Amino acid sequence: MADLKYKPVPHDHRVFLANARARKGFREAYDALALEYQVAGQMLKARSRAGLTQDAVAERMGTTKSAISRLESAGKHTPSLATLKRYASAVGCELQVKLVRQRAA
């Protein structure tokens, strides 16, 4: 059975972004993936709050750790709503989706 004890990996996202912003074209690419990064960030926070590893979530969903890694990687994979619902359930959450009217330009 997989080691289900949660061991967070240290990561300073502000430092990462500061270094990344110095690269040409980063801002445009990052902005284009804003929604994906937001969803991935929410997934990571939910898993962290639940105290689960990727292995543990994979076991609860009946999939592999690598599949969970892909789900949590913004821009590399576009999960279906059904998959997001399963992930949410595995980390003790419910999935809520809403459409918000765009602001006039």
N, C-alpha and C. Protein backbone atom coordinates (compact mmCIF):
# COMPACT_ATOMS: atom_id res chain seq x y z
N MET A 1 0.84 -1.18 0.00
CA MET A 1 0.00 0.00 0.00
C MET A 1 0.88 1.24 0.00
N ALA A 2 0.46 2.29 -0.66
CA ALA A 2 1.23 3.52 -0.79
C ALA A 2 1.38 4.22 0.56
N ASP A 3 2.48 4.95 0.72
CA ASP A 3 2.69 5.78 1.91
C ASP A 3 1.73 6.96 1.82
N LEU A 4 0.74 7.01 2.70
CA LEU A 4 -0.31 8.02 2.61
C LEU A 4 -0.03 9.24 3.47
N LYS A 5 1.14 9.30 4.10
CA LYS A 5 1.48 10.46 4.93
C LYS A 5 1.87 11.63 4.02
N TYR A 6 1.26 12.76 4.26
CA TYR A 6 1.49 13.96 3.45
C TYR A 6 2.81 14.62 3.83
N LYS A 7 3.67 14.83 2.84
CA LYS A 7 4.95 15.49 3.05
C LYS A 7 5.09 16.60 2.02
N PRO A 8 4.71 17.84 2.37
CA PRO A 8 4.74 18.92 1.38
C PRO A 8 6.16 19.23 0.92
N VAL A 9 6.27 19.59 -0.35
CA VAL A 9 7.56 19.98 -0.92
C VAL A 9 7.65 21.50 -0.83
N PRO A 10 8.72 22.04 -0.23
CA PRO A 10 8.83 23.49 -0.11
C PRO A 10 8.89 24.15 -1.49
N HIS A 11 8.13 25.21 -1.64
CA HIS A 11 8.10 25.95 -2.91
C HIS A 11 7.68 27.37 -2.61
N ASP A 12 8.51 28.33 -3.01
CA ASP A 12 8.16 29.73 -2.83
C ASP A 12 7.70 30.25 -4.19
N HIS A 13 6.39 30.29 -4.37
CA HIS A 13 5.82 30.65 -5.67
C HIS A 13 6.16 32.09 -6.05
N ARG A 14 6.24 32.98 -5.08
CA ARG A 14 6.59 34.38 -5.39
C ARG A 14 7.99 34.48 -5.98
N VAL A 15 8.93 33.75 -5.42
CA VAL A 15 10.29 33.76 -5.96
C VAL A 15 10.31 33.15 -7.35
N PHE A 16 9.59 32.04 -7.52
CA PHE A 16 9.50 31.41 -8.83
C PHE A 16 8.96 32.39 -9.87
N LEU A 17 7.86 33.07 -9.54
CA LEU A 17 7.26 34.02 -10.49
C LEU A 17 8.18 35.20 -10.78
N ALA A 18 8.85 35.69 -9.76
CA ALA A 18 9.77 36.81 -9.96
C ALA A 18 10.87 36.43 -10.95
N ASN A 19 11.40 35.23 -10.83
CA ASN A 19 12.43 34.76 -11.76
C ASN A 19 11.85 34.52 -13.15
N ALA A 20 10.67 33.94 -13.19
CA ALA A 20 10.05 33.61 -14.48
C ALA A 20 9.66 34.86 -15.26
N ARG A 21 9.20 35.90 -14.56
CA ARG A 21 8.76 37.13 -15.24
C ARG A 21 9.89 37.79 -16.02
N ALA A 22 11.11 37.49 -15.67
CA ALA A 22 12.26 38.06 -16.38
C ALA A 22 12.44 37.45 -17.77
N ARG A 23 11.81 36.31 -18.02
CA ARG A 23 11.95 35.65 -19.31
C ARG A 23 11.01 36.27 -20.34
N LYS A 24 11.51 36.41 -21.56
CA LYS A 24 10.72 36.99 -22.65
C LYS A 24 9.50 36.12 -22.95
N GLY A 25 8.35 36.76 -23.08
CA GLY A 25 7.12 36.06 -23.44
C GLY A 25 6.42 35.38 -22.28
N PHE A 26 7.02 35.43 -21.10
CA PHE A 26 6.42 34.75 -19.96
C PHE A 26 5.07 35.34 -19.60
N ARG A 27 4.98 36.65 -19.51
CA ARG A 27 3.75 37.31 -19.06
C ARG A 27 2.56 36.91 -19.93
N GLU A 28 2.74 36.94 -21.25
CA GLU A 28 1.65 36.60 -22.16
C GLU A 28 1.23 35.13 -21.99
N ALA A 29 2.21 34.26 -21.91
CA ALA A 29 1.92 32.83 -21.76
C ALA A 29 1.24 32.55 -20.42
N TYR A 30 1.71 33.19 -19.37
CA TYR A 30 1.14 33.00 -18.04
C TYR A 30 -0.29 33.51 -17.98
N ASP A 31 -0.50 34.70 -18.53
CA ASP A 31 -1.84 35.28 -18.53
C ASP A 31 -2.83 34.43 -19.33
N ALA A 32 -2.37 33.82 -20.41
CA ALA A 32 -3.24 32.98 -21.23
C ALA A 32 -3.71 31.73 -20.48
N LEU A 33 -2.95 31.33 -19.47
CA LEU A 33 -3.28 30.13 -18.69
C LEU A 33 -3.82 30.47 -17.30
N ALA A 34 -4.28 31.70 -17.11
CA ALA A 34 -4.70 32.15 -15.77
C ALA A 34 -5.77 31.25 -15.16
N LEU A 35 -6.78 30.90 -15.93
CA LEU A 35 -7.85 30.05 -15.38
C LEU A 35 -7.33 28.67 -15.01
N GLU A 36 -6.48 28.09 -15.87
CA GLU A 36 -5.92 26.78 -15.57
C GLU A 36 -5.07 26.82 -14.30
N TYR A 37 -4.28 27.90 -14.13
CA TYR A 37 -3.47 28.03 -12.92
C TYR A 37 -4.36 28.20 -11.69
N GLN A 38 -5.46 28.91 -11.84
CA GLN A 38 -6.38 29.09 -10.72
C GLN A 38 -6.99 27.75 -10.29
N VAL A 39 -7.43 26.97 -11.25
CA VAL A 39 -8.02 25.67 -10.93
C VAL A 39 -6.97 24.75 -10.32
N ALA A 40 -5.78 24.70 -10.91
CA ALA A 40 -4.71 23.85 -10.36
C ALA A 40 -4.36 24.27 -8.94
N GLY A 41 -4.31 25.58 -8.70
CA GLY A 41 -4.01 26.08 -7.36
C GLY A 41 -5.06 25.65 -6.35
N GLN A 42 -6.34 25.71 -6.76
CA GLN A 42 -7.41 25.28 -5.87
C GLN A 42 -7.32 23.78 -5.58
N MET A 43 -6.96 23.01 -6.60
CA MET A 43 -6.82 21.57 -6.41
C MET A 43 -5.70 21.28 -5.40
N LEU A 44 -4.57 21.94 -5.56
CA LEU A 44 -3.44 21.71 -4.66
C LEU A 44 -3.79 22.11 -3.22
N LYS A 45 -4.48 23.23 -3.07
CA LYS A 45 -4.87 23.67 -1.72
C LYS A 45 -5.84 22.68 -1.08
N ALA A 46 -6.80 22.19 -1.87
CA ALA A 46 -7.77 21.23 -1.34
C ALA A 46 -7.08 19.94 -0.91
N ARG A 47 -6.14 19.47 -1.73
CA ARG A 47 -5.41 18.24 -1.38
C ARG A 47 -4.57 18.46 -0.13
N SER A 48 -3.95 19.62 -0.04
CA SER A 48 -3.14 19.94 1.14
C SER A 48 -4.00 20.01 2.40
N ARG A 49 -5.16 20.69 2.31
CA ARG A 49 -6.08 20.76 3.46
C ARG A 49 -6.53 19.38 3.90
N ALA A 50 -6.71 18.49 2.92
CA ALA A 50 -7.14 17.13 3.23
C ALA A 50 -5.99 16.29 3.78
N GLY A 51 -4.76 16.80 3.67
CA GLY A 51 -3.59 16.07 4.17
C GLY A 51 -3.28 14.83 3.37
N LEU A 52 -3.53 14.90 2.05
CA LEU A 52 -3.35 13.74 1.19
C LEU A 52 -2.17 13.90 0.24
N THR A 53 -1.56 12.78 -0.09
CA THR A 53 -0.54 12.76 -1.13
C THR A 53 -1.23 12.52 -2.47
N GLN A 54 -0.47 12.71 -3.55
CA GLN A 54 -1.01 12.37 -4.87
C GLN A 54 -1.34 10.88 -4.93
N ASP A 55 -0.52 10.06 -4.31
CA ASP A 55 -0.78 8.61 -4.27
C ASP A 55 -2.13 8.32 -3.61
N ALA A 56 -2.40 8.99 -2.49
CA ALA A 56 -3.64 8.75 -1.76
C ALA A 56 -4.85 9.18 -2.59
N VAL A 57 -4.75 10.34 -3.25
CA VAL A 57 -5.86 10.80 -4.10
C VAL A 57 -6.06 9.82 -5.25
N ALA A 58 -4.96 9.38 -5.84
CA ALA A 58 -5.05 8.41 -6.95
C ALA A 58 -5.74 7.14 -6.49
N GLU A 59 -5.39 6.66 -5.31
CA GLU A 59 -6.00 5.45 -4.79
C GLU A 59 -7.51 5.64 -4.60
N ARG A 60 -7.90 6.79 -4.06
CA ARG A 60 -9.32 7.07 -3.84
C ARG A 60 -10.09 7.20 -5.16
N MET A 61 -9.39 7.67 -6.21
CA MET A 61 -10.05 7.86 -7.51
C MET A 61 -9.93 6.63 -8.40
N GLY A 62 -9.12 5.66 -7.99
CA GLY A 62 -8.93 4.47 -8.81
C GLY A 62 -8.09 4.75 -10.03
N THR A 63 -7.06 5.60 -9.86
CA THR A 63 -6.18 5.95 -10.97
C THR A 63 -4.73 5.93 -10.48
N THR A 64 -3.84 6.54 -11.24
CA THR A 64 -2.42 6.52 -10.90
C THR A 64 -1.94 7.87 -10.40
N LYS A 65 -0.83 7.85 -9.69
CA LYS A 65 -0.21 9.09 -9.21
C LYS A 65 0.14 9.99 -10.38
N SER A 66 0.61 9.43 -11.48
CA SER A 66 0.98 10.26 -12.62
C SER A 66 -0.24 10.95 -13.21
N ALA A 67 -1.40 10.30 -13.16
CA ALA A 67 -2.63 10.94 -13.65
C ALA A 67 -2.99 12.12 -12.76
N ILE A 68 -2.81 11.99 -11.46
CA ILE A 68 -3.09 13.09 -10.53
C ILE A 68 -2.10 14.22 -10.77
N SER A 69 -0.86 13.88 -11.00
CA SER A 69 0.15 14.89 -11.29
C SER A 69 -0.23 15.70 -12.54
N ARG A 70 -0.71 15.01 -13.57
CA ARG A 70 -1.15 15.71 -14.78
C ARG A 70 -2.35 16.62 -14.49
N LEU A 71 -3.29 16.13 -13.68
CA LEU A 71 -4.46 16.94 -13.33
C LEU A 71 -4.06 18.23 -12.62
N GLU A 72 -3.05 18.14 -11.78
CA GLU A 72 -2.63 19.28 -10.98
C GLU A 72 -1.64 20.19 -11.70
N SER A 73 -1.33 19.89 -12.94
CA SER A 73 -0.38 20.69 -13.73
C SER A 73 -1.14 21.58 -14.71
N ALA A 74 -1.17 22.85 -14.44
CA ALA A 74 -1.90 23.80 -15.29
C ALA A 74 -1.34 23.81 -16.70
N GLY A 75 -2.26 23.81 -17.66
CA GLY A 75 -1.87 23.95 -19.06
C GLY A 75 -1.44 22.68 -19.75
N LYS A 76 -1.20 21.61 -18.99
CA LYS A 76 -0.72 20.37 -19.61
C LYS A 76 -1.84 19.38 -19.86
N HIS A 77 -2.96 19.58 -19.18
CA HIS A 77 -4.05 18.62 -19.28
C HIS A 77 -5.36 19.36 -19.00
N THR A 78 -6.38 19.10 -19.77
CA THR A 78 -7.68 19.70 -19.55
C THR A 78 -8.64 18.61 -19.08
N PRO A 79 -8.86 18.53 -17.76
CA PRO A 79 -9.72 17.47 -17.24
C PRO A 79 -11.19 17.72 -17.53
N SER A 80 -11.95 16.66 -17.63
CA SER A 80 -13.40 16.77 -17.82
C SER A 80 -14.04 17.17 -16.49
N LEU A 81 -15.28 17.62 -16.57
CA LEU A 81 -16.02 17.93 -15.34
C LEU A 81 -16.19 16.68 -14.48
N ALA A 82 -16.40 15.54 -15.12
CA ALA A 82 -16.54 14.29 -14.37
C ALA A 82 -15.27 13.99 -13.58
N THR A 83 -14.12 14.20 -14.18
CA THR A 83 -12.85 13.97 -13.50
C THR A 83 -12.66 14.96 -12.36
N LEU A 84 -13.00 16.22 -12.60
CA LEU A 84 -12.89 17.22 -11.54
C LEU A 84 -13.82 16.89 -10.37
N LYS A 85 -15.01 16.37 -10.66
CA LYS A 85 -15.93 15.96 -9.59
C LYS A 85 -15.33 14.82 -8.78
N ARG A 86 -14.74 13.85 -9.45
CA ARG A 86 -14.11 12.71 -8.76
C ARG A 86 -12.95 13.19 -7.89
N TYR A 87 -12.15 14.11 -8.42
CA TYR A 87 -11.02 14.66 -7.67
C TYR A 87 -11.55 15.38 -6.43
N ALA A 88 -12.56 16.24 -6.63
CA ALA A 88 -13.13 16.99 -5.51
C ALA A 88 -13.62 16.05 -4.42
N SER A 89 -14.32 15.02 -4.81
CA SER A 89 -14.82 14.04 -3.85
C SER A 89 -13.67 13.35 -3.12
N ALA A 90 -12.61 13.03 -3.83
CA ALA A 90 -11.46 12.34 -3.23
C ALA A 90 -10.76 13.18 -2.18
N VAL A 91 -10.81 14.52 -2.33
CA VAL A 91 -10.16 15.40 -1.35
C VAL A 91 -11.16 16.02 -0.38
N GLY A 92 -12.38 15.47 -0.36
CA GLY A 92 -13.37 15.92 0.60
C GLY A 92 -14.04 17.24 0.27
N CYS A 93 -14.19 17.52 -1.02
CA CYS A 93 -14.81 18.77 -1.46
C CYS A 93 -15.94 18.47 -2.44
N GLU A 94 -16.69 19.50 -2.79
CA GLU A 94 -17.64 19.39 -3.88
C GLU A 94 -17.21 20.38 -4.94
N LEU A 95 -17.46 20.04 -6.18
CA LEU A 95 -17.10 20.91 -7.30
C LEU A 95 -18.24 21.88 -7.55
N GLN A 96 -17.90 23.16 -7.65
CA GLN A 96 -18.87 24.18 -8.01
C GLN A 96 -18.33 24.93 -9.22
N VAL A 97 -19.16 25.10 -10.23
CA VAL A 97 -18.76 25.83 -11.44
C VAL A 97 -19.76 26.94 -11.65
N LYS A 98 -19.29 28.13 -11.97
CA LYS A 98 -20.21 29.22 -12.25
C LYS A 98 -19.70 30.04 -13.42
N LEU A 99 -20.62 30.61 -14.13
CA LEU A 99 -20.30 31.52 -15.22
C LEU A 99 -20.51 32.95 -14.71
N VAL A 100 -19.53 33.79 -14.91
CA VAL A 100 -19.58 35.16 -14.43
C VAL A 100 -19.57 36.09 -15.64
N ARG A 101 -20.50 37.03 -15.65
CA ARG A 101 -20.58 37.98 -16.77
C ARG A 101 -19.27 38.74 -16.91
N GLN A 102 -18.80 38.88 -18.13
CA GLN A 102 -17.58 39.62 -18.40
C GLN A 102 -17.81 41.10 -18.15
N ARG A 103 -16.77 41.75 -17.68
CA ARG A 103 -16.83 43.19 -17.49
C ARG A 103 -16.75 43.87 -18.85
N ALA A 104 -17.49 44.94 -19.03
CA ALA A 104 -17.44 45.70 -20.29
C ALA A 104 -16.08 46.34 -20.44
N ALA A 105 -15.56 46.31 -21.64
CA ALA A 105 -14.21 46.86 -21.88
C ALA A 105 -14.21 48.37 -21.96
